[in-house]
Amino acid sequence: MRDRPLPKPVPVPVSLPTSMSMSMSWPSDRAGPTRRHLLAALAAGAAPAFLRHARAADRPRFALGVASGQPQATRLVLWTRLVGEGLPAQADVAWELAEDEAFTRIAARGTELASWDDAHSVHAEPQGLQPARWYWYRFSALGQRSAIGRTRTAPAPDAAVERLDFATASCQRYDVGRYAAWQHAAAQPLDLVLFLGDYIYEYPSAAQAVRPVEGGRVRRLEEYRARYATHKSDPALQAAHAACPWLLVWDDHEVENDYAGLQGEFLEADFADQRAAAYKAYWEHMPLPKALRPDNGAMRMHGRLDWGRLARIHLLDDRQMRDPQACAPRGRGGSTTVRLADCPALLDPRRTLLGPAQERWLAEGWALDRPWNLLAQQTLMARCSWDDPAGPSRGTYWTDGWDGYPQARRRLLSTVAERRVPGVVVLGGDVHANYVADLVPDPDAPRAPVVAAEFCGTSITSLGLDQARLDRARAFNPHLLHARSDQRGYGRFTLRPGQLQADLQVLADARDPASPIGSQGRYVVEAGRPAVQRA
């Protein structure tokens, strides 16, 4: 999604790839020593203690921080990347995982080879760990030691789980804002962060950029690597990565705006090579296992993770296998906004956002034996027509999201209804706005029963549409219970067996690295009752 001109800040009142199984339980002190240290450091405007370990003064090798991801009951992934001039072609990187922050009780250790071929990235995969417990980890190489990160395993697949705390976030364009949202998220007692796409942006910076990025439009491997390094240099983002494990899906800007499969926005002849370079750089910079390293220009992103007996988390890829957007402007790929009356191809039942294989995988994998199914994907699923769907236009729709693939959306939600899938909550990003919606298979059916809830979150920094446009559209979309594009932030969720609580956290000014944060709205979904309610 393209960014719009800088909006005027609005004051906010401050308040407070294969299947995998996971489980969870909390230590007795949910905040824990590291959490208290983090809060104190943030209050003082400094990086937390576990991000200030000694580095060589001249050439810091761990300047991009550390991260963890893919938590399972007995294993997870630890990540870092060596940087700086004069790196050898290959370097040994030692890692340690401990049961305490002082590293007196080592649970696992090993050595990984960081090589030039993979941008000196490290993807360590400790195994044989205890389910449902917190760990601390660090790396060392070339006479230096990294920051300390905090991570956790999941509970055993059959474990009873009383609570899951997680955040959703997306769209963190570096040059249009600061990462105050990550500073606040890092201070929360989270089990997981679900990042839902647009980790970097491929655009060059505009003249009025808050903090310019290097170079022009990104297309080559070294350019993607440099852009990731710029984004990951931010200390607030590093703090959020170091505070808990992440689960990630990508969207378009990790490659190119609005790309679809092997078709770029500008119909480039060499787009397959560009996409392969982008996928390679993405894997190099994310806490993903070695098994997901791109192969022949493709990379599996979708996966399924069980969080004990509480929930199944489905991670989707809506870019790599989709059909191109319908009714694109002549000579160009990507999205547009069209009247349904002028674009009957929108209703072609053969068109798919996920690809036939991923559609089947999802339809066959819903958890019927757990109270919750969380669908982590990229964009707004609810219908959002910009004029009256009952009028001559038959509705006007943006073609890059689910509105551009309405029959695929209907298939997905019809399966949820037919199989009576419990607790389906769709989580998305991409559109730089907070949407809360009730989902039905057929939005035109009178009194259609709600089958799922949706929370599509605003961006970390990326700019949104004019709020007045959303306000006008609400009249044509009564299922949209909340629609705000004027503020940046993240979603904060607490999931229990009987209820999901959602808090839409937004900043006063995303251009201020010390911006206060507050709640734009609080909602709940009760188990067995998919309609969203105000808290």
Protein backbone atom coordinates (compact mmCIF):
# COMPACT_ATOMS: atom_id res chain seq x y z
CA MET A 1 0.00 0.00 0.00
CA ARG A 2 1.32 3.44 -0.90
CA ASP A 3 1.85 6.06 1.78
CA ARG A 4 -0.12 9.30 1.70
CA PRO A 5 1.10 12.84 2.56
CA LEU A 6 2.05 13.48 6.16
CA PRO A 7 -1.10 13.73 8.28
CA LYS A 8 -1.51 16.26 11.01
CA PRO A 9 -0.83 14.56 14.38
CA VAL A 10 -3.86 13.97 16.55
CA PRO A 11 -3.49 14.12 20.36
CA VAL A 12 -4.31 10.90 22.17
CA PRO A 13 -5.28 10.62 25.83
CA VAL A 14 -2.67 8.51 27.57
CA SER A 15 -4.13 5.58 29.38
CA LEU A 16 -3.39 2.84 30.22
CA PRO A 17 6.39 -24.02 7.52
CA THR A 18 5.37 -27.31 8.26
CA SER A 19 3.00 -27.71 11.17
CA MET A 20 4.40 -26.92 14.58
CA SER A 21 3.00 -27.43 18.08
CA MET A 22 3.47 -25.05 20.98
CA SER A 23 2.48 -24.62 24.60
CA MET A 24 2.71 -21.97 27.29
CA SER A 25 2.74 -21.11 30.97
CA TRP A 26 3.95 -18.01 32.78
CA PRO A 27 6.52 -17.71 35.55
CA SER A 28 5.08 -16.55 38.84
CA ASP A 29 6.29 -12.98 38.23
CA ARG A 30 5.05 -12.09 34.76
CA ALA A 31 7.06 -8.88 34.71
CA GLY A 32 10.27 -10.59 35.82
CA PRO A 33 13.63 -8.93 36.42
CA THR A 34 14.28 -8.26 32.75
CA ARG A 35 10.89 -6.62 32.30
CA ARG A 36 11.46 -4.30 35.25
CA HIS A 37 14.90 -3.38 33.92
CA LEU A 38 13.39 -2.69 30.51
CA LEU A 39 10.67 -0.44 31.92
CA ALA A 40 13.17 1.53 33.95
CA ALA A 41 15.46 1.95 30.94
CA LEU A 42 12.63 3.11 28.72
CA ALA A 43 11.45 5.57 31.34
CA ALA A 44 14.97 7.00 31.38
CA GLY A 45 15.00 7.25 27.57
CA ALA A 46 17.83 4.72 27.23
CA ALA A 47 18.22 1.31 25.67
CA PRO A 48 17.59 -1.52 28.18
CA ALA A 49 20.48 -3.16 29.95
CA PHE A 50 20.41 -6.27 27.83
CA LEU A 51 20.93 -4.07 24.72
CA ARG A 52 24.05 -2.30 26.01
CA HIS A 53 26.64 -5.07 26.14
CA ALA A 54 30.26 -4.25 25.39
CA ARG A 55 31.24 -3.84 21.76
CA ALA A 56 34.54 -2.95 20.19
CA ALA A 57 34.58 0.82 19.95
CA ASP A 58 35.71 0.96 16.35
CA ARG A 59 33.80 -1.84 14.58
CA PRO A 60 30.72 -3.10 16.42
CA ARG A 61 29.80 -6.49 15.01
CA PHE A 62 26.35 -6.95 16.60
CA ALA A 63 24.96 -3.51 15.79
CA LEU A 64 21.69 -4.94 14.38
CA GLY A 65 20.74 -6.60 17.65
CA VAL A 66 19.37 -10.06 18.31
CA ALA A 67 16.02 -11.76 17.81
CA SER A 68 14.19 -15.03 18.38
CA GLY A 69 11.23 -16.70 16.70
CA GLN A 70 9.33 -19.87 15.80
CA PRO A 71 8.92 -20.96 19.44
CA GLN A 72 7.95 -24.58 19.93
CA ALA A 73 7.71 -26.71 23.04
CA THR A 74 11.33 -27.92 22.92
CA ARG A 75 13.07 -25.67 20.37
CA LEU A 76 13.13 -22.21 18.80
CA VAL A 77 15.27 -20.03 16.53
CA LEU A 78 17.86 -17.44 17.62
CA TRP A 79 19.06 -14.78 15.18
CA THR A 80 21.77 -12.19 14.76
CA ARG A 81 23.93 -10.81 11.97
CA LEU A 82 27.56 -9.71 11.97
CA VAL A 83 28.17 -6.34 10.36
CA GLY A 84 30.99 -3.84 9.83
CA GLU A 85 33.98 -3.40 7.60
CA GLY A 86 36.68 -6.00 7.36
CA LEU A 87 34.59 -9.09 8.13
CA PRO A 88 36.20 -12.37 7.11
CA ALA A 89 34.40 -14.45 4.48
CA GLN A 90 33.41 -16.84 7.27
CA ALA A 91 33.35 -16.43 11.03
CA ASP A 92 32.45 -18.71 13.91
CA VAL A 93 29.65 -17.31 16.08
CA ALA A 94 29.13 -18.92 19.48
CA TRP A 95 25.71 -18.79 21.11
CA GLU A 96 24.43 -19.55 24.59
CA LEU A 97 20.91 -20.08 25.91
CA ALA A 98 20.47 -19.85 29.68
CA GLU A 99 17.76 -20.30 32.28
CA ASP A 100 18.77 -17.06 34.00
CA GLU A 101 19.83 -13.60 32.87
CA ALA A 102 23.22 -13.96 34.55
CA PHE A 103 23.97 -17.08 32.44
CA THR A 104 24.88 -19.22 35.43
CA ARG A 105 22.58 -22.07 34.28
CA ILE A 106 23.30 -22.82 30.63
CA ALA A 107 20.55 -24.81 28.91
CA ALA A 108 22.18 -25.08 25.46
CA ARG A 109 25.15 -23.73 23.55
CA GLY A 110 26.70 -24.13 20.15
CA THR A 111 28.56 -22.52 17.28
CA GLU A 112 27.25 -21.37 13.90
CA LEU A 113 29.23 -20.41 10.82
CA ALA A 114 28.34 -16.91 9.63
CA SER A 115 29.27 -16.61 5.96
CA TRP A 116 29.44 -13.93 3.31
CA ASP A 117 26.93 -15.92 1.20
CA ASP A 118 24.19 -15.28 3.79
CA ALA A 119 25.21 -11.75 4.76
CA HIS A 120 26.91 -13.18 7.88
CA SER A 121 23.49 -13.94 9.36
CA VAL A 122 23.10 -16.53 12.10
CA HIS A 123 20.11 -18.84 12.57
CA ALA A 124 20.79 -20.99 15.63
CA GLU A 125 18.24 -23.66 16.55
CA PRO A 126 18.65 -24.94 20.13
CA GLN A 127 16.69 -28.10 20.86
CA GLY A 128 15.83 -30.27 23.85
CA LEU A 129 14.47 -27.30 25.82
CA GLN A 130 11.84 -27.30 28.55
CA PRO A 131 8.31 -26.40 27.49
CA ALA A 132 6.66 -23.22 28.71
CA ARG A 133 9.63 -21.41 30.17
CA TRP A 134 11.62 -18.24 29.61
CA TYR A 135 15.25 -18.25 28.51
CA TRP A 136 17.99 -15.68 27.87
CA TYR A 137 20.43 -15.86 24.97
CA ARG A 138 23.49 -14.11 23.55
CA PHE A 139 26.12 -14.46 20.84
CA SER A 140 29.86 -13.87 20.68
CA ALA A 141 32.28 -13.57 17.75
CA LEU A 142 35.47 -11.79 16.76
CA GLY A 143 36.19 -10.84 20.34
CA GLN A 144 32.80 -9.21 20.94
CA ARG A 145 29.59 -10.18 22.69
CA SER A 146 26.08 -9.32 21.58
CA ALA A 147 23.18 -7.88 23.47
CA ILE A 148 21.18 -10.31 25.57
CA GLY A 149 17.77 -11.33 24.32
CA ARG A 150 14.85 -12.86 26.20
CA THR A 151 12.74 -15.61 24.65
CA ARG A 152 10.45 -18.45 25.59
CA THR A 153 9.33 -21.87 24.52
CA ALA A 154 5.71 -22.85 24.14
CA PRO A 155 3.92 -25.31 26.39
CA ALA A 156 3.48 -28.91 25.38
CA PRO A 157 0.88 -29.40 22.63
CA ASP A 158 -1.61 -31.00 25.03
CA ALA A 159 -1.03 -28.53 27.90
CA ALA A 160 -3.89 -26.53 29.36
CA VAL A 161 -3.16 -22.82 28.81
CA GLU A 162 -4.92 -20.07 30.70
CA ARG A 163 -3.51 -17.04 28.94
CA LEU A 164 -1.66 -15.80 25.86
CA ASP A 165 -0.51 -12.19 25.63
CA PHE A 166 0.50 -11.02 22.18
CA ALA A 167 0.84 -7.96 19.99
CA THR A 168 0.18 -7.46 16.29
CA ALA A 169 2.10 -4.93 14.21
CA SER A 170 2.85 -4.08 10.59
CA CYS A 171 4.05 -1.41 8.16
CA GLN A 172 7.10 0.23 9.73
CA ARG A 173 8.38 2.55 7.03
CA TYR A 174 11.58 3.96 8.45
CA ASP A 175 11.71 7.37 6.82
CA VAL A 176 8.23 8.68 7.69
CA GLY A 177 8.30 8.23 11.47
CA ARG A 178 10.01 6.98 14.60
CA TYR A 179 9.55 3.66 16.34
CA ALA A 180 7.96 4.89 19.56
CA ALA A 181 5.32 2.17 19.16
CA TRP A 182 8.04 -0.47 19.48
CA GLN A 183 9.41 1.22 22.58
CA HIS A 184 6.01 0.87 24.25
CA ALA A 185 5.41 -2.67 22.97
CA ALA A 186 8.79 -3.81 24.30
CA ALA A 187 7.71 -2.73 27.79
CA GLN A 188 4.64 -5.01 27.75
CA PRO A 189 4.64 -8.56 29.21
CA LEU A 190 4.12 -10.28 25.85
CA ASP A 191 4.47 -13.93 24.96
CA LEU A 192 4.60 -13.22 21.24
CA VAL A 193 4.71 -10.54 18.61
CA LEU A 194 2.85 -11.33 15.39
CA PHE A 195 4.37 -9.18 12.66
CA LEU A 196 2.02 -9.07 9.69
CA GLY A 197 4.06 -7.59 6.88
CA ASP A 198 5.95 -4.61 5.42
CA TYR A 199 9.00 -4.92 7.64
CA ILE A 200 10.94 -2.70 5.23
CA TYR A 201 9.94 -0.39 2.40
CA GLU A 202 11.65 -0.40 -0.97
CA TYR A 203 10.99 3.29 -1.74
CA PRO A 204 13.58 6.06 -1.78
CA SER A 205 13.06 8.85 0.74
CA ALA A 206 11.12 12.00 -0.08
CA ALA A 207 12.55 15.45 0.56
CA GLN A 208 10.49 15.85 3.75
CA ALA A 209 11.57 12.49 5.22
CA VAL A 210 11.74 12.31 9.01
CA ARG A 211 14.94 10.24 8.75
CA PRO A 212 16.09 9.49 5.19
CA VAL A 213 17.08 6.01 4.04
CA GLU A 214 20.07 5.28 1.87
CA GLY A 215 19.91 5.03 -1.91
CA GLY A 216 17.01 4.91 -4.34
CA ARG A 217 14.37 2.28 -5.05
CA VAL A 218 15.56 -1.13 -3.87
CA ARG A 219 15.86 -3.93 -6.44
CA ARG A 220 19.13 -5.85 -5.90
CA LEU A 221 20.29 -8.16 -3.10
CA GLU A 222 22.85 -5.77 -1.63
CA GLU A 223 20.26 -2.98 -1.66
CA TYR A 224 17.72 -5.11 0.21
CA ARG A 225 20.39 -6.06 2.75
CA ALA A 226 21.27 -2.41 3.30
CA ARG A 227 17.62 -1.44 3.74
CA TYR A 228 17.10 -4.17 6.36
CA ALA A 229 20.21 -2.99 8.17
CA THR A 230 18.83 0.56 8.26
CA HIS A 231 15.47 -0.54 9.69
CA LYS A 232 17.05 -2.93 12.18
CA SER A 233 19.48 -0.30 13.44
CA ASP A 234 16.67 1.34 15.41
CA PRO A 235 17.11 0.65 19.17
CA ALA A 236 13.35 0.52 19.87
CA LEU A 237 12.85 -2.17 17.22
CA GLN A 238 15.83 -4.05 18.63
CA ALA A 239 14.29 -3.87 22.10
CA ALA A 240 11.02 -5.34 20.83
CA HIS A 241 12.89 -8.19 19.15
CA ALA A 242 14.95 -8.84 22.27
CA ALA A 243 11.94 -8.89 24.61
CA CYS A 244 10.08 -11.98 23.28
CA PRO A 245 9.86 -14.32 20.27
CA TRP A 246 8.25 -13.20 17.01
CA LEU A 247 6.14 -14.94 14.40
CA LEU A 248 6.22 -13.25 10.99
CA VAL A 249 4.53 -13.12 7.63
CA TRP A 250 5.49 -10.82 4.79
CA ASP A 251 3.48 -8.51 2.55
CA ASP A 252 4.43 -6.57 -0.58
CA HIS A 253 7.03 -3.98 0.43
CA GLU A 254 9.55 -6.61 1.42
CA VAL A 255 9.77 -7.01 -2.39
CA GLU A 256 7.82 -4.32 -4.29
CA ASN A 257 4.57 -2.46 -3.85
CA ASP A 258 1.54 -4.54 -4.88
CA TYR A 259 3.47 -7.39 -6.45
CA ALA A 260 1.50 -10.56 -7.19
CA GLY A 261 3.30 -13.87 -7.58
CA LEU A 262 5.92 -13.30 -10.26
CA GLN A 263 4.39 -10.06 -11.52
CA GLY A 264 5.74 -6.72 -10.35
CA GLU A 265 3.94 -3.40 -10.26
CA PHE A 266 5.90 -2.16 -13.29
CA LEU A 267 5.79 -5.48 -15.22
CA GLU A 268 9.58 -5.78 -15.08
CA ALA A 269 11.05 -8.50 -17.27
CA ASP A 270 13.54 -9.44 -14.55
CA PHE A 271 11.10 -9.35 -11.64
CA ALA A 272 11.67 -13.03 -10.79
CA ASP A 273 15.33 -12.21 -10.06
CA GLN A 274 14.32 -9.20 -7.97
CA ARG A 275 11.85 -11.28 -5.95
CA ALA A 276 14.46 -13.99 -5.38
CA ALA A 277 16.90 -11.38 -4.06
CA ALA A 278 14.22 -9.92 -1.79
CA TYR A 279 13.26 -13.33 -0.39
CA LYS A 280 16.90 -14.13 0.28
CA ALA A 281 17.42 -10.88 2.19
CA TYR A 282 14.20 -11.42 4.14
CA TRP A 283 15.32 -14.84 5.36
CA GLU A 284 18.77 -13.50 6.21
CA HIS A 285 17.29 -10.88 8.54
CA MET A 286 14.49 -12.76 10.28
CA PRO A 287 14.49 -15.35 13.11
CA LEU A 288 13.49 -18.16 10.76
CA PRO A 289 14.95 -21.69 10.65
CA LYS A 290 17.48 -22.87 8.13
CA ALA A 291 14.85 -25.13 6.58
CA LEU A 292 13.00 -22.05 5.30
CA ARG A 293 16.01 -20.67 3.43
CA PRO A 294 14.74 -19.73 -0.06
CA ASP A 295 15.20 -22.35 -2.74
CA ASN A 296 15.19 -21.53 -6.44
CA GLY A 297 13.57 -18.15 -5.82
CA ALA A 298 10.70 -19.48 -3.67
CA MET A 299 10.23 -19.61 0.09
CA ARG A 300 7.55 -21.21 2.22
CA MET A 301 5.97 -18.72 4.61
CA HIS A 302 2.67 -20.28 5.65
CA GLY A 303 2.62 -22.49 8.72
CA ARG A 304 0.46 -23.67 11.57
CA LEU A 305 1.33 -23.44 15.25
CA ASP A 306 -0.66 -24.81 18.20
CA TRP A 307 -0.35 -22.85 21.43
CA GLY A 308 -1.15 -25.68 23.81
CA ARG A 309 -4.86 -26.45 23.99
CA LEU A 310 -5.77 -22.77 23.85
CA ALA A 311 -5.39 -21.77 20.21
CA ARG A 312 -4.12 -22.64 16.79
CA ILE A 313 -2.28 -19.87 14.95
CA HIS A 314 -2.45 -20.02 11.16
CA LEU A 315 0.21 -17.99 9.31
CA LEU A 316 -0.73 -17.13 5.71
CA ASP A 317 1.15 -15.90 2.65
CA ASP A 318 -1.06 -13.75 0.41
CA ARG A 319 1.66 -12.62 -2.03
CA GLN A 320 3.66 -15.49 -3.45
CA MET A 321 0.82 -17.60 -4.91
CA ARG A 322 -1.93 -15.08 -5.67
CA ASP A 323 -3.45 -14.27 -9.04
CA PRO A 324 -2.60 -10.79 -10.35
CA GLN A 325 -5.00 -8.02 -9.37
CA ALA A 326 -8.03 -7.71 -11.64
CA CYS A 327 -8.58 -4.81 -14.05
CA ALA A 328 -5.14 -3.24 -13.57
CA PRO A 329 -4.48 -0.01 -15.49
CA ARG A 330 -3.15 -0.50 -19.00
CA GLY A 331 0.57 -1.27 -19.08
CA ARG A 332 0.91 -1.69 -15.32
CA GLY A 333 0.47 -4.35 -12.67
CA GLY A 334 -0.61 -3.86 -9.09
CA SER A 335 -3.77 -2.48 -7.60
CA THR A 336 -6.38 0.08 -8.45
CA THR A 337 -9.82 1.07 -7.19
CA VAL A 338 -12.64 -0.07 -9.49
CA ARG A 339 -16.41 -0.17 -9.69
CA LEU A 340 -17.69 -3.74 -9.64
CA ALA A 341 -20.01 -2.83 -12.51
CA ASP A 342 -16.92 -2.04 -14.62
CA CYS A 343 -14.82 -5.04 -13.52
CA PRO A 344 -16.78 -8.34 -13.64
CA ALA A 345 -13.46 -10.22 -13.37
CA LEU A 346 -13.58 -9.50 -9.63
CA LEU A 347 -16.30 -12.15 -9.33
CA ASP A 348 -14.43 -14.86 -11.25
CA PRO A 349 -14.53 -17.85 -8.84
CA ARG A 350 -11.21 -19.14 -10.17
CA ARG A 351 -9.28 -16.16 -8.82
CA THR A 352 -7.40 -16.71 -5.57
CA LEU A 353 -5.43 -14.64 -3.09
CA LEU A 354 -3.72 -17.61 -1.41
CA GLY A 355 -3.32 -20.02 -4.30
CA PRO A 356 -5.27 -23.31 -4.57
CA ALA A 357 -2.79 -25.36 -2.52
CA GLN A 358 -2.70 -22.92 0.39
CA GLU A 359 -6.49 -22.56 0.29
CA ARG A 360 -6.83 -26.34 0.69
CA TRP A 361 -4.17 -26.41 3.40
CA LEU A 362 -6.09 -23.83 5.42
CA ALA A 363 -9.51 -25.42 4.85
CA GLU A 364 -8.21 -28.78 6.06
CA GLY A 365 -6.31 -27.43 9.05
CA TRP A 366 -8.80 -25.54 11.22
CA ALA A 367 -8.65 -26.64 14.86
CA LEU A 368 -12.05 -27.94 15.92
CA ASP A 369 -10.77 -29.11 19.33
CA ARG A 370 -9.50 -25.73 20.58
CA PRO A 371 -11.55 -22.68 21.54
CA TRP A 372 -9.61 -20.31 19.28
CA ASN A 373 -8.26 -20.14 15.73
CA LEU A 374 -6.11 -17.05 15.07
CA LEU A 375 -5.61 -16.24 11.39
CA ALA A 376 -2.44 -14.15 11.02
CA GLN A 377 -2.43 -12.67 7.52
CA GLN A 378 -1.63 -9.45 5.78
CA THR A 379 -4.61 -7.21 5.05
CA LEU A 380 -8.25 -6.25 5.65
CA MET A 381 -10.62 -9.18 5.05
CA ALA A 382 -13.94 -7.42 5.66
CA ARG A 383 -15.63 -5.89 2.65
CA CYS A 384 -15.00 -2.15 2.38
CA SER A 385 -16.91 -0.49 -0.44
CA TRP A 386 -16.27 3.19 -1.06
CA ASP A 387 -19.85 3.74 -2.25
CA ASP A 388 -23.24 2.01 -2.08
CA PRO A 389 -23.01 -1.68 -3.14
CA ALA A 390 -26.74 -1.53 -3.94
CA GLY A 391 -26.25 1.41 -6.31
CA PRO A 392 -25.34 1.54 -10.02
CA SER A 393 -21.65 0.94 -9.30
CA ARG A 394 -22.42 -2.29 -7.40
CA GLY A 395 -19.73 -1.11 -5.02
CA THR A 396 -16.28 0.37 -5.53
CA TYR A 397 -13.34 -1.67 -4.26
CA TRP A 398 -9.56 -1.61 -3.85
CA THR A 399 -8.23 -4.61 -5.74
CA ASP A 400 -5.07 -5.48 -3.78
CA GLY A 401 -6.80 -6.80 -0.65
CA TRP A 402 -9.54 -9.36 -0.08
CA ASP A 403 -12.03 -7.07 -1.85
CA GLY A 404 -10.11 -7.84 -5.01
CA TYR A 405 -10.68 -11.58 -4.44
CA PRO A 406 -14.23 -11.75 -3.03
CA GLN A 407 -14.95 -15.31 -4.12
CA ALA A 408 -11.78 -16.54 -2.37
CA ARG A 409 -12.90 -14.72 0.78
CA ARG A 410 -16.33 -16.28 0.50
CA ARG A 411 -14.83 -19.77 0.16
CA LEU A 412 -12.72 -19.25 3.28
CA LEU A 413 -15.55 -17.91 5.45
CA SER A 414 -18.07 -20.45 4.11
CA THR A 415 -15.76 -23.23 5.26
CA VAL A 416 -15.60 -21.62 8.71
CA ALA A 417 -19.41 -21.56 8.80
CA GLU A 418 -19.94 -25.07 7.42
CA ARG A 419 -17.41 -26.71 9.72
CA ARG A 420 -18.43 -24.54 12.69
CA VAL A 421 -14.82 -23.61 13.33
CA PRO A 422 -14.59 -22.16 16.83
CA GLY A 423 -13.14 -18.79 17.74
CA VAL A 424 -11.94 -17.57 14.35
CA VAL A 425 -10.22 -14.19 14.73
CA VAL A 426 -8.64 -12.65 11.63
CA LEU A 427 -5.59 -10.47 12.30
CA GLY A 428 -4.21 -8.18 9.62
CA GLY A 429 -2.31 -5.02 8.73
CA ASP A 430 -1.28 -3.44 5.41
CA VAL A 431 -3.95 -0.70 5.20
CA HIS A 432 -2.43 1.68 7.81
CA ALA A 433 -5.67 1.92 9.76
CA ASN A 434 -7.41 0.29 12.70
CA TYR A 435 -10.44 -1.68 11.57
CA VAL A 436 -12.64 -3.85 13.78
CA ALA A 437 -15.24 -5.90 11.94
CA ASP A 438 -17.72 -8.75 12.04
CA LEU A 439 -17.17 -11.19 9.17
CA VAL A 440 -19.87 -13.02 7.19
CA PRO A 441 -19.50 -15.24 4.10
CA ASP A 442 -21.90 -13.13 2.01
CA PRO A 443 -22.03 -9.42 2.92
CA ASP A 444 -25.11 -8.97 0.68
CA ALA A 445 -27.20 -11.62 2.42
CA PRO A 446 -29.82 -10.11 4.75
CA ARG A 447 -29.23 -10.92 8.41
CA ALA A 448 -26.21 -13.07 7.54
CA PRO A 449 -24.81 -14.73 10.69
CA VAL A 450 -21.40 -13.57 11.88
CA VAL A 451 -18.81 -16.37 11.62
CA ALA A 452 -15.58 -14.61 12.62
CA ALA A 453 -14.14 -11.43 14.15
CA GLU A 454 -11.51 -9.23 12.59
CA PHE A 455 -8.89 -6.85 13.98
CA CYS A 456 -6.90 -5.21 11.20
CA GLY A 457 -4.27 -3.03 12.83
CA THR A 458 -2.80 0.32 12.00
CA SER A 459 0.84 0.83 11.06
CA ILE A 460 3.89 1.38 13.23
CA THR A 461 4.75 4.48 11.15
CA SER A 462 3.42 4.25 7.59
CA LEU A 463 0.93 6.95 6.64
CA GLY A 464 -2.80 6.39 6.28
CA LEU A 465 -5.73 7.51 4.16
CA ASP A 466 -7.65 10.67 4.92
CA GLN A 467 -9.93 9.94 7.88
CA ALA A 468 -12.85 11.77 6.26
CA ARG A 469 -12.86 9.19 3.48
CA LEU A 470 -13.22 6.35 5.97
CA ASP A 471 -15.96 8.23 7.80
CA ARG A 472 -17.97 8.50 4.58
CA ALA A 473 -17.43 4.81 3.79
CA ARG A 474 -18.79 3.66 7.16
CA ALA A 475 -22.33 4.34 5.90
CA PHE A 476 -21.92 1.63 3.25
CA ASN A 477 -20.17 -0.88 5.53
CA PRO A 478 -22.19 -1.37 8.73
CA HIS A 479 -20.13 -4.43 9.67
CA LEU A 480 -17.11 -2.12 10.20
CA LEU A 481 -17.43 -1.36 13.89
CA HIS A 482 -14.26 0.75 14.02
CA ALA A 483 -12.33 2.52 11.25
CA ARG A 484 -9.52 4.97 12.08
CA SER A 485 -6.66 5.81 9.75
CA ASP A 486 -5.30 8.90 11.49
CA GLN A 487 -3.07 7.30 14.14
CA ARG A 488 -0.17 4.88 14.29
CA GLY A 489 0.52 2.12 16.82
CA TYR A 490 0.01 -1.60 17.42
CA GLY A 491 -2.60 -4.06 18.68
CA ARG A 492 -2.40 -5.49 22.21
CA PHE A 493 -4.30 -8.74 22.87
CA THR A 494 -4.96 -11.05 25.79
CA LEU A 495 -6.43 -14.45 24.95
CA ARG A 496 -8.05 -16.72 27.53
CA PRO A 497 -10.15 -19.85 27.02
CA GLY A 498 -13.37 -17.85 27.33
CA GLN A 499 -12.49 -14.46 25.90
CA LEU A 500 -10.22 -12.40 23.65
CA GLN A 501 -9.49 -8.85 24.80
CA ALA A 502 -8.20 -6.32 22.25
CA ASP A 503 -6.72 -2.90 22.96
CA LEU A 504 -5.85 -0.64 20.00
CA GLN A 505 -2.75 1.21 21.18
CA VAL A 506 -1.98 4.44 19.30
CA LEU A 507 0.62 7.19 19.51
CA ALA A 508 0.11 10.90 19.97
CA ASP A 509 2.72 11.58 17.25
CA ALA A 510 4.56 8.84 15.38
CA ARG A 511 7.29 11.32 14.40
CA ASP A 512 8.26 11.75 18.05
CA PRO A 513 10.52 8.95 19.40
CA ALA A 514 9.25 9.72 22.91
CA SER A 515 5.57 9.94 21.98
CA PRO A 516 3.08 8.89 24.66
CA ILE A 517 0.65 6.14 23.80
CA GLY A 518 -2.98 5.54 24.64
CA SER A 519 -5.99 3.42 23.73
CA GLN A 520 -8.07 4.20 20.66
CA GLY A 521 -10.58 1.50 21.52
CA ARG A 522 -11.07 -1.70 23.51
CA TYR A 523 -13.06 -4.70 22.32
CA VAL A 524 -13.82 -8.27 23.37
CA VAL A 525 -14.82 -11.48 21.63
CA GLU A 526 -16.43 -14.18 23.73
CA ALA A 527 -15.73 -17.85 23.03
CA GLY A 528 -18.67 -19.30 21.11
CA ARG A 529 -19.92 -15.81 20.11
CA PRO A 530 -17.95 -14.55 17.09
CA ALA A 531 -19.45 -11.04 16.99
CA VAL A 532 -17.20 -8.30 18.38
CA GLN A 533 -18.36 -6.33 21.41
CA ARG A 534 -17.10 -3.08 22.87
CA ALA A 535 -15.29 -3.57 26.15
